[in-house]
Amino acid sequence: MNAQFYQQQGQVMPEPPSVNSTKDHLYLKDALSWELTAMKMLHHGARNCTDPEIRDYLNRAGQMHQMHYQILLNHLNPANTTSH
């Protein structure tokens, strides 16, 4: 069954489609940009912060965005053929 059928029936697709559409690809590229910007801002803030507790928090938040960036990048990698 296709995604449109599930959407019309109000059901959830059992697994994501194996191919990203152009719109999906563009959204993922935007999301990568947002994650990269957040990561850079947090790194800059941590580097310039004098309070160790706040610096640690900013570093951890930056690492979270870096992890999100890597996850999104994996979705754009055509060699990524892992099954769900």
PDB file of N, CA and C in Angstrom:
ATOM      1  N   MET A   1       0.847  -1.188   0.000  1.00  0.00           N
ATOM      2  CA  MET A   1       0.000   0.000   0.000  1.00  0.00           C
ATOM      3  C   MET A   1       0.882   1.236   0.000  1.00  0.00           C
ATOM      4  N   ASN A   2       0.388   2.289  -0.585  1.00  0.00           N
ATOM      5  CA  ASN A   2       1.216   3.482  -0.682  1.00  0.00           C
ATOM      6  C   ASN A   2       0.914   4.468   0.445  1.00  0.00           C
ATOM      7  N   ALA A   3       1.768   5.484   0.539  1.00  0.00           N
ATOM      8  CA  ALA A   3       1.658   6.469   1.617  1.00  0.00           C
ATOM      9  C   ALA A   3       0.343   7.228   1.553  1.00  0.00           C
ATOM     10  N   GLN A   4      -0.130   7.502   0.327  1.00  0.00           N
ATOM     11  CA  GLN A   4      -1.378   8.258   0.188  1.00  0.00           C
ATOM     12  C   GLN A   4      -2.552   7.487   0.785  1.00  0.00           C
ATOM     13  N   PHE A   5      -2.571   6.163   0.611  1.00  0.00           N
ATOM     14  CA  PHE A   5      -3.630   5.351   1.199  1.00  0.00           C
ATOM     15  C   PHE A   5      -3.631   5.482   2.716  1.00  0.00           C
ATOM     16  N   TYR A   6      -2.457   5.350   3.322  1.00  0.00           N
ATOM     17  CA  TYR A   6      -2.358   5.459   4.772  1.00  0.00           C
ATOM     18  C   TYR A   6      -2.787   6.837   5.257  1.00  0.00           C
ATOM     19  N   GLN A   7      -2.410   7.866   4.495  1.00  0.00           N
ATOM     20  CA  GLN A   7      -2.769   9.225   4.869  1.00  0.00           C
ATOM     21  C   GLN A   7      -4.275   9.412   4.824  1.00  0.00           C
ATOM     22  N   GLN A   8      -4.933   8.870   3.799  1.00  0.00           N
ATOM     23  CA  GLN A   8      -6.383   8.992   3.666  1.00  0.00           C
ATOM     24  C   GLN A   8      -7.097   8.223   4.768  1.00  0.00           C
ATOM     25  N   GLN A   9      -6.540   7.115   5.183  1.00  0.00           N
ATOM     26  CA  GLN A   9      -7.161   6.281   6.201  1.00  0.00           C
ATOM     27  C   GLN A   9      -6.830   6.745   7.626  1.00  0.00           C
ATOM     28  N   GLY A  10      -5.971   7.746   7.749  1.00  0.00           N
ATOM     29  CA  GLY A  10      -5.586   8.242   9.067  1.00  0.00           C
ATOM     30  C   GLY A  10      -4.682   7.286   9.811  1.00  0.00           C
ATOM     31  N   GLN A  11      -3.989   6.426   9.082  1.00  0.00           N
ATOM     32  CA  GLN A  11      -3.099   5.444   9.683  1.00  0.00           C
ATOM     33  C   GLN A  11      -1.652   5.894   9.527  1.00  0.00           C
ATOM     34  N   VAL A  12      -0.792   5.284  10.280  1.00  0.00           N
ATOM     35  CA  VAL A  12       0.637   5.566  10.216  1.00  0.00           C
ATOM     36  C   VAL A  12       1.278   4.542   9.286  1.00  0.00           C
ATOM     37  N   MET A  13       2.189   5.013   8.419  1.00  0.00           N
ATOM     38  CA  MET A  13       2.904   4.085   7.537  1.00  0.00           C
ATOM     39  C   MET A  13       3.754   3.159   8.396  1.00  0.00           C
ATOM     40  N   PRO A  14       3.815   1.874   8.045  1.00  0.00           N
ATOM     41  CA  PRO A  14       4.602   0.925   8.843  1.00  0.00           C
ATOM     42  C   PRO A  14       6.098   1.199   8.799  1.00  0.00           C
ATOM     43  N   GLU A  15       6.589   1.800   7.736  1.00  0.00           N
ATOM     44  CA  GLU A  15       8.001   2.165   7.634  1.00  0.00           C
ATOM     45  C   GLU A  15       8.148   3.323   6.656  1.00  0.00           C
ATOM     46  N   PRO A  16       9.226   4.087   6.777  1.00  0.00           N
ATOM     47  CA  PRO A  16       9.404   5.227   5.872  1.00  0.00           C
ATOM     48  C   PRO A  16       9.652   4.731   4.450  1.00  0.00           C
ATOM     49  N   PRO A  17       9.364   5.571   3.457  1.00  0.00           N
ATOM     50  CA  PRO A  17       9.640   5.166   2.078  1.00  0.00           C
ATOM     51  C   PRO A  17      11.134   4.997   1.855  1.00  0.00           C
ATOM     52  N   SER A  18      11.490   4.155   0.901  1.00  0.00           N
ATOM     53  CA  SER A  18      12.911   3.870   0.667  1.00  0.00           C
ATOM     54  C   SER A  18      13.602   4.977  -0.112  1.00  0.00           C
ATOM     55  N   VAL A  19      12.838   5.892  -0.697  1.00  0.00           N
ATOM     56  CA  VAL A  19      13.409   6.977  -1.487  1.00  0.00           C
ATOM     57  C   VAL A  19      12.905   8.314  -0.955  1.00  0.00           C
ATOM     58  N   ASN A  20      13.828   9.272  -0.791  1.00  0.00           N
ATOM     59  CA  ASN A  20      13.448  10.621  -0.380  1.00  0.00           C
ATOM     60  C   ASN A  20      13.035  11.414  -1.603  1.00  0.00           C
ATOM     61  N   SER A  21      11.934  12.132  -1.491  1.00  0.00           N
ATOM     62  CA  SER A  21      11.508  13.004  -2.580  1.00  0.00           C
ATOM     63  C   SER A  21      12.396  14.244  -2.602  1.00  0.00           C
ATOM     64  N   THR A  22      12.256  15.039  -3.649  1.00  0.00           N
ATOM     65  CA  THR A  22      13.004  16.294  -3.734  1.00  0.00           C
ATOM     66  C   THR A  22      12.648  17.192  -2.560  1.00  0.00           C
ATOM     67  N   LYS A  23      11.367  17.226  -2.204  1.00  0.00           N
ATOM     68  CA  LYS A  23      10.934  18.045  -1.073  1.00  0.00           C
ATOM     69  C   LYS A  23      11.568  17.544   0.231  1.00  0.00           C
ATOM     70  N   ASP A  24      11.609  16.227   0.413  1.00  0.00           N
ATOM     71  CA  ASP A  24      12.263  15.650   1.597  1.00  0.00           C
ATOM     72  C   ASP A  24      13.730  16.054   1.641  1.00  0.00           C
ATOM     73  N   HIS A  25      14.392  15.940   0.499  1.00  0.00           N
ATOM     74  CA  HIS A  25      15.813  16.266   0.414  1.00  0.00           C
ATOM     75  C   HIS A  25      16.057  17.735   0.780  1.00  0.00           C
ATOM     76  N   LEU A  26      15.225  18.636   0.259  1.00  0.00           N
ATOM     77  CA  LEU A  26      15.381  20.062   0.566  1.00  0.00           C
ATOM     78  C   LEU A  26      15.118  20.345   2.046  1.00  0.00           C
ATOM     79  N   TYR A  27      14.120  19.685   2.621  1.00  0.00           N
ATOM     80  CA  TYR A  27      13.840  19.872   4.043  1.00  0.00           C
ATOM     81  C   TYR A  27      15.018  19.394   4.884  1.00  0.00           C
ATOM     82  N   LEU A  28      15.577  18.243   4.536  1.00  0.00           N
ATOM     83  CA  LEU A  28      16.720  17.723   5.290  1.00  0.00           C
ATOM     84  C   LEU A  28      17.921  18.663   5.182  1.00  0.00           C
ATOM     85  N   LYS A  29      18.139  19.245   4.003  1.00  0.00           N
ATOM     86  CA  LYS A  29      19.237  20.208   3.854  1.00  0.00           C
ATOM     87  C   LYS A  29      19.008  21.441   4.726  1.00  0.00           C
ATOM     88  N   ASP A  30      17.757  21.919   4.791  1.00  0.00           N
ATOM     89  CA  ASP A  30      17.445  23.053   5.672  1.00  0.00           C
ATOM     90  C   ASP A  30      17.690  22.683   7.129  1.00  0.00           C
ATOM     91  N   ALA A  31      17.234  21.509   7.516  1.00  0.00           N
ATOM     92  CA  ALA A  31      17.408  21.067   8.899  1.00  0.00           C
ATOM     93  C   ALA A  31      18.892  20.936   9.239  1.00  0.00           C
ATOM     94  N   LEU A  32      19.698  20.456   8.295  1.00  0.00           N
ATOM     95  CA  LEU A  32      21.151  20.391   8.510  1.00  0.00           C
ATOM     96  C   LEU A  32      21.714  21.776   8.768  1.00  0.00           C
ATOM     97  N   SER A  33      21.269  22.734   7.994  1.00  0.00           N
ATOM     98  CA  SER A  33      21.738  24.108   8.155  1.00  0.00           C
ATOM     99  C   SER A  33      21.365  24.647   9.531  1.00  0.00           C
ATOM    100  N   TRP A  34      20.138  24.375   9.971  1.00  0.00           N
ATOM    101  CA  TRP A  34      19.688  24.846  11.292  1.00  0.00           C
ATOM    102  C   TRP A  34      20.515  24.213  12.406  1.00  0.00           C
ATOM    103  N   GLU A  35      20.764  22.909  12.297  1.00  0.00           N
ATOM    104  CA  GLU A  35      21.554  22.217  13.322  1.00  0.00           C
ATOM    105  C   GLU A  35      22.986  22.734  13.344  1.00  0.00           C
ATOM    106  N   LEU A  36      23.572  22.966  12.168  1.00  0.00           N
ATOM    107  CA  LEU A  36      24.937  23.473  12.094  1.00  0.00           C
ATOM    108  C   LEU A  36      25.032  24.866  12.709  1.00  0.00           C
ATOM    109  N   THR A  37      24.054  25.716  12.423  1.00  0.00           N
ATOM    110  CA  THR A  37      24.035  27.066  12.990  1.00  0.00           C
ATOM    111  C   THR A  37      23.932  27.004  14.510  1.00  0.00           C
ATOM    112  N   ALA A  38      23.025  26.179  15.024  1.00  0.00           N
ATOM    113  CA  ALA A  38      22.870  26.047  16.476  1.00  0.00           C
ATOM    114  C   ALA A  38      24.161  25.532  17.107  1.00  0.00           C
ATOM    115  N   MET A  39      24.775  24.540  16.455  1.00  0.00           N
ATOM    116  CA  MET A  39      26.011  23.964  16.982  1.00  0.00           C
ATOM    117  C   MET A  39      27.106  25.030  17.050  1.00  0.00           C
ATOM    118  N   LYS A  40      27.248  25.827  15.994  1.00  0.00           N
ATOM    119  CA  LYS A  40      28.273  26.879  15.964  1.00  0.00           C
ATOM    120  C   LYS A  40      28.009  27.948  17.018  1.00  0.00           C
ATOM    121  N   MET A  41      26.754  28.347  17.162  1.00  0.00           N
ATOM    122  CA  MET A  41      26.420  29.387  18.155  1.00  0.00           C
ATOM    123  C   MET A  41      26.715  28.900  19.574  1.00  0.00           C
ATOM    124  N   LEU A  42      26.363  27.664  19.857  1.00  0.00           N
ATOM    125  CA  LEU A  42      26.603  27.125  21.196  1.00  0.00           C
ATOM    126  C   LEU A  42      28.103  26.957  21.462  1.00  0.00           C
ATOM    127  N   HIS A  43      28.848  26.522  20.453  1.00  0.00           N
ATOM    128  CA  HIS A  43      30.295  26.389  20.610  1.00  0.00           C
ATOM    129  C   HIS A  43      30.927  27.759  20.889  1.00  0.00           C
ATOM    130  N   HIS A  44      30.497  28.752  20.130  1.00  0.00           N
ATOM    131  CA  HIS A  44      31.008  30.110  20.326  1.00  0.00           C
ATOM    132  C   HIS A  44      30.664  30.618  21.733  1.00  0.00           C
ATOM    133  N   GLY A  45      29.421  30.386  22.160  1.00  0.00           N
ATOM    134  CA  GLY A  45      29.005  30.813  23.490  1.00  0.00           C
ATOM    135  C   GLY A  45      29.800  30.129  24.589  1.00  0.00           C
ATOM    136  N   ALA A  46      30.014  28.819  24.435  1.00  0.00           N
ATOM    137  CA  ALA A  46      30.776  28.071  25.446  1.00  0.00           C
ATOM    138  C   ALA A  46      32.221  28.546  25.507  1.00  0.00           C
ATOM    139  N   ARG A  47      32.794  28.833  24.349  1.00  0.00           N
ATOM    140  CA  ARG A  47      34.187  29.279  24.291  1.00  0.00           C
ATOM    141  C   ARG A  47      34.369  30.628  24.985  1.00  0.00           C
ATOM    142  N   ASN A  48      33.334  31.452  24.954  1.00  0.00           N
ATOM    143  CA  ASN A  48      33.427  32.793  25.534  1.00  0.00           C
ATOM    144  C   ASN A  48      32.791  32.910  26.919  1.00  0.00           C
ATOM    145  N   CYS A  49      32.359  31.802  27.470  1.00  0.00           N
ATOM    146  CA  CYS A  49      31.681  31.817  28.766  1.00  0.00           C
ATOM    147  C   CYS A  49      32.694  31.602  29.900  1.00  0.00           C
ATOM    148  N   THR A  50      32.540  32.380  30.970  1.00  0.00           N
ATOM    149  CA  THR A  50      33.463  32.237  32.109  1.00  0.00           C
ATOM    150  C   THR A  50      32.879  31.357  33.211  1.00  0.00           C
ATOM    151  N   ASP A  51      31.570  31.167  33.234  1.00  0.00           N
ATOM    152  CA  ASP A  51      30.927  30.334  34.250  1.00  0.00           C
ATOM    153  C   ASP A  51      31.025  28.864  33.815  1.00  0.00           C
ATOM    154  N   PRO A  52      31.725  28.015  34.576  1.00  0.00           N
ATOM    155  CA  PRO A  52      31.930  26.618  34.175  1.00  0.00           C
ATOM    156  C   PRO A  52      30.621  25.832  34.020  1.00  0.00           C
ATOM    157  N   GLU A  53      29.651  26.106  34.862  1.00  0.00           N
ATOM    158  CA  GLU A  53      28.377  25.381  34.786  1.00  0.00           C
ATOM    159  C   GLU A  53      27.631  25.720  33.488  1.00  0.00           C
ATOM    160  N   ILE A  54      27.610  26.985  33.146  1.00  0.00           N
ATOM    161  CA  ILE A  54      26.941  27.413  31.909  1.00  0.00           C
ATOM    162  C   ILE A  54      27.730  26.922  30.699  1.00  0.00           C
ATOM    163  N   ARG A  55      29.053  26.988  30.767  1.00  0.00           N
ATOM    164  CA  ARG A  55      29.903  26.509  29.680  1.00  0.00           C
ATOM    165  C   ARG A  55      29.642  25.019  29.417  1.00  0.00           C
ATOM    166  N   ASP A  56      29.521  24.237  30.504  1.00  0.00           N
ATOM    167  CA  ASP A  56      29.244  22.803  30.366  1.00  0.00           C
ATOM    168  C   ASP A  56      27.883  22.580  29.713  1.00  0.00           C
ATOM    169  N   TYR A  57      26.897  23.344  30.136  1.00  0.00           N
ATOM    170  CA  TYR A  57      25.553  23.229  29.554  1.00  0.00           C
ATOM    171  C   TYR A  57      25.592  23.556  28.056  1.00  0.00           C
ATOM    172  N   LEU A  58      26.270  24.635  27.686  1.00  0.00           N
ATOM    173  CA  LEU A  58      26.368  25.029  26.280  1.00  0.00           C
ATOM    174  C   LEU A  58      27.103  23.968  25.459  1.00  0.00           C
ATOM    175  N   ASN A  59      28.151  23.392  26.020  1.00  0.00           N
ATOM    176  CA  ASN A  59      28.876  22.321  25.324  1.00  0.00           C
ATOM    177  C   ASN A  59      27.991  21.099  25.109  1.00  0.00           C
ATOM    178  N   ARG A  60      27.224  20.721  26.136  1.00  0.00           N
ATOM    179  CA  ARG A  60      26.328  19.559  26.002  1.00  0.00           C
ATOM    180  C   ARG A  60      25.234  19.822  24.976  1.00  0.00           C
ATOM    181  N   ALA A  61      24.690  21.031  24.966  1.00  0.00           N
ATOM    182  CA  ALA A  61      23.663  21.387  23.979  1.00  0.00           C
ATOM    183  C   ALA A  61      24.266  21.367  22.572  1.00  0.00           C
ATOM    184  N   GLY A  62      25.489  21.851  22.432  1.00  0.00           N
ATOM    185  CA  GLY A  62      26.173  21.811  21.142  1.00  0.00           C
ATOM    186  C   GLY A  62      26.407  20.390  20.661  1.00  0.00           C
ATOM    187  N   GLN A  63      26.772  19.505  21.582  1.00  0.00           N
ATOM    188  CA  GLN A  63      26.968  18.097  21.229  1.00  0.00           C
ATOM    189  C   GLN A  63      25.655  17.449  20.782  1.00  0.00           C
ATOM    190  N   MET A  64      24.542  17.839  21.410  1.00  0.00           N
ATOM    191  CA  MET A  64      23.239  17.326  21.011  1.00  0.00           C
ATOM    192  C   MET A  64      22.934  17.740  19.570  1.00  0.00           C
ATOM    193  N   HIS A  65      23.208  19.002  19.227  1.00  0.00           N
ATOM    194  CA  HIS A  65      22.958  19.466  17.866  1.00  0.00           C
ATOM    195  C   HIS A  65      23.901  18.789  16.875  1.00  0.00           C
ATOM    196  N   GLN A  66      25.122  18.511  17.302  1.00  0.00           N
ATOM    197  CA  GLN A  66      26.057  17.796  16.440  1.00  0.00           C
ATOM    198  C   GLN A  66      25.542  16.388  16.165  1.00  0.00           C
ATOM    199  N   MET A  67      24.991  15.737  17.172  1.00  0.00           N
ATOM    200  CA  MET A  67      24.425  14.396  16.997  1.00  0.00           C
ATOM    201  C   MET A  67      23.226  14.452  16.037  1.00  0.00           C
ATOM    202  N   HIS A  68      22.360  15.458  16.201  1.00  0.00           N
ATOM    203  CA  HIS A  68      21.219  15.618  15.297  1.00  0.00           C
ATOM    204  C   HIS A  68      21.692  15.841  13.858  1.00  0.00           C
ATOM    205  N   TYR A  69      22.738  16.648  13.705  1.00  0.00           N
ATOM    206  CA  TYR A  69      23.312  16.919  12.382  1.00  0.00           C
ATOM    207  C   TYR A  69      23.758  15.608  11.733  1.00  0.00           C
ATOM    208  N   GLN A  70      24.445  14.773  12.492  1.00  0.00           N
ATOM    209  CA  GLN A  70      24.950  13.504  11.951  1.00  0.00           C
ATOM    210  C   GLN A  70      23.799  12.577  11.569  1.00  0.00           C
ATOM    211  N   ILE A  71      22.744  12.546  12.372  1.00  0.00           N
ATOM    212  CA  ILE A  71      21.585  11.711  12.055  1.00  0.00           C
ATOM    213  C   ILE A  71      20.946  12.167  10.747  1.00  0.00           C
ATOM    214  N   LEU A  72      20.774  13.479  10.597  1.00  0.00           N
ATOM    215  CA  LEU A  72      20.191  14.013   9.364  1.00  0.00           C
ATOM    216  C   LEU A  72      21.098  13.736   8.169  1.00  0.00           C
ATOM    217  N   LEU A  73      22.389  13.887   8.345  1.00  0.00           N
ATOM    218  CA  LEU A  73      23.341  13.629   7.272  1.00  0.00           C
ATOM    219  C   LEU A  73      23.243  12.181   6.798  1.00  0.00           C
ATOM    220  N   ASN A  74      23.044  11.273   7.730  1.00  0.00           N
ATOM    221  CA  ASN A  74      22.898   9.861   7.368  1.00  0.00           C
ATOM    222  C   ASN A  74      21.672   9.634   6.485  1.00  0.00           C
ATOM    223  N   HIS A  75      20.613  10.416   6.672  1.00  0.00           N
ATOM    224  CA  HIS A  75      19.418  10.282   5.845  1.00  0.00           C
ATOM    225  C   HIS A  75      19.660  10.762   4.417  1.00  0.00           C
ATOM    226  N   LEU A  76      20.609  11.648   4.242  1.00  0.00           N
ATOM    227  CA  LEU A  76      20.929  12.160   2.904  1.00  0.00           C
ATOM    228  C   LEU A  76      21.944  11.289   2.168  1.00  0.00           C
ATOM    229  N   ASN A  77      22.606  10.414   2.866  1.00  0.00           N
ATOM    230  CA  ASN A  77      23.639   9.573   2.286  1.00  0.00           C
ATOM    231  C   ASN A  77      22.998   8.454   1.455  1.00  0.00           C
ATOM    232  N   PRO A  78      23.178   8.465   0.123  1.00  0.00           N
ATOM    233  CA  PRO A  78      22.565   7.430  -0.699  1.00  0.00           C
ATOM    234  C   PRO A  78      23.088   6.022  -0.413  1.00  0.00           C
ATOM    235  N   ALA A  79      24.258   5.929   0.193  1.00  0.00           N
ATOM    236  CA  ALA A  79      24.818   4.613   0.543  1.00  0.00           C
ATOM    237  C   ALA A  79      24.172   4.053   1.807  1.00  0.00           C
ATOM    238  N   ASN A  80      23.367   4.859   2.475  1.00  0.00           N
ATOM    239  CA  ASN A  80      22.718   4.415   3.713  1.00  0.00           C
ATOM    240  C   ASN A  80      21.565   3.491   3.347  1.00  0.00           C
ATOM    241  N   THR A  81      21.795   2.196   3.446  1.00  0.00           N
ATOM    242  CA  THR A  81      20.786   1.226   3.047  1.00  0.00           C
ATOM    243  C   THR A  81      20.354   0.351   4.208  1.00  0.00           C
ATOM    244  N   THR A  82      20.484   0.849   5.423  1.00  0.00           N
ATOM    245  CA  THR A  82      20.107   0.058   6.588  1.00  0.00           C
ATOM    246  C   THR A  82      18.612  -0.151   6.604  1.00  0.00           C
ATOM    247  N   SER A  83      18.193  -1.314   7.002  1.00  0.00           N
ATOM    248  CA  SER A  83      16.762  -1.628   7.096  1.00  0.00           C
ATOM    249  C   SER A  83      16.221  -1.179   8.421  1.00  0.00           C
ATOM    250  N   HIS A  84      14.925  -0.873   8.464  1.00  0.00           N
ATOM    251  CA  HIS A  84      14.264  -0.446   9.699  1.00  0.00           C
ATOM    252  C   HIS A  84      13.538  -1.598  10.314  1.00  0.00           C
TER     253      HIS A  84
END
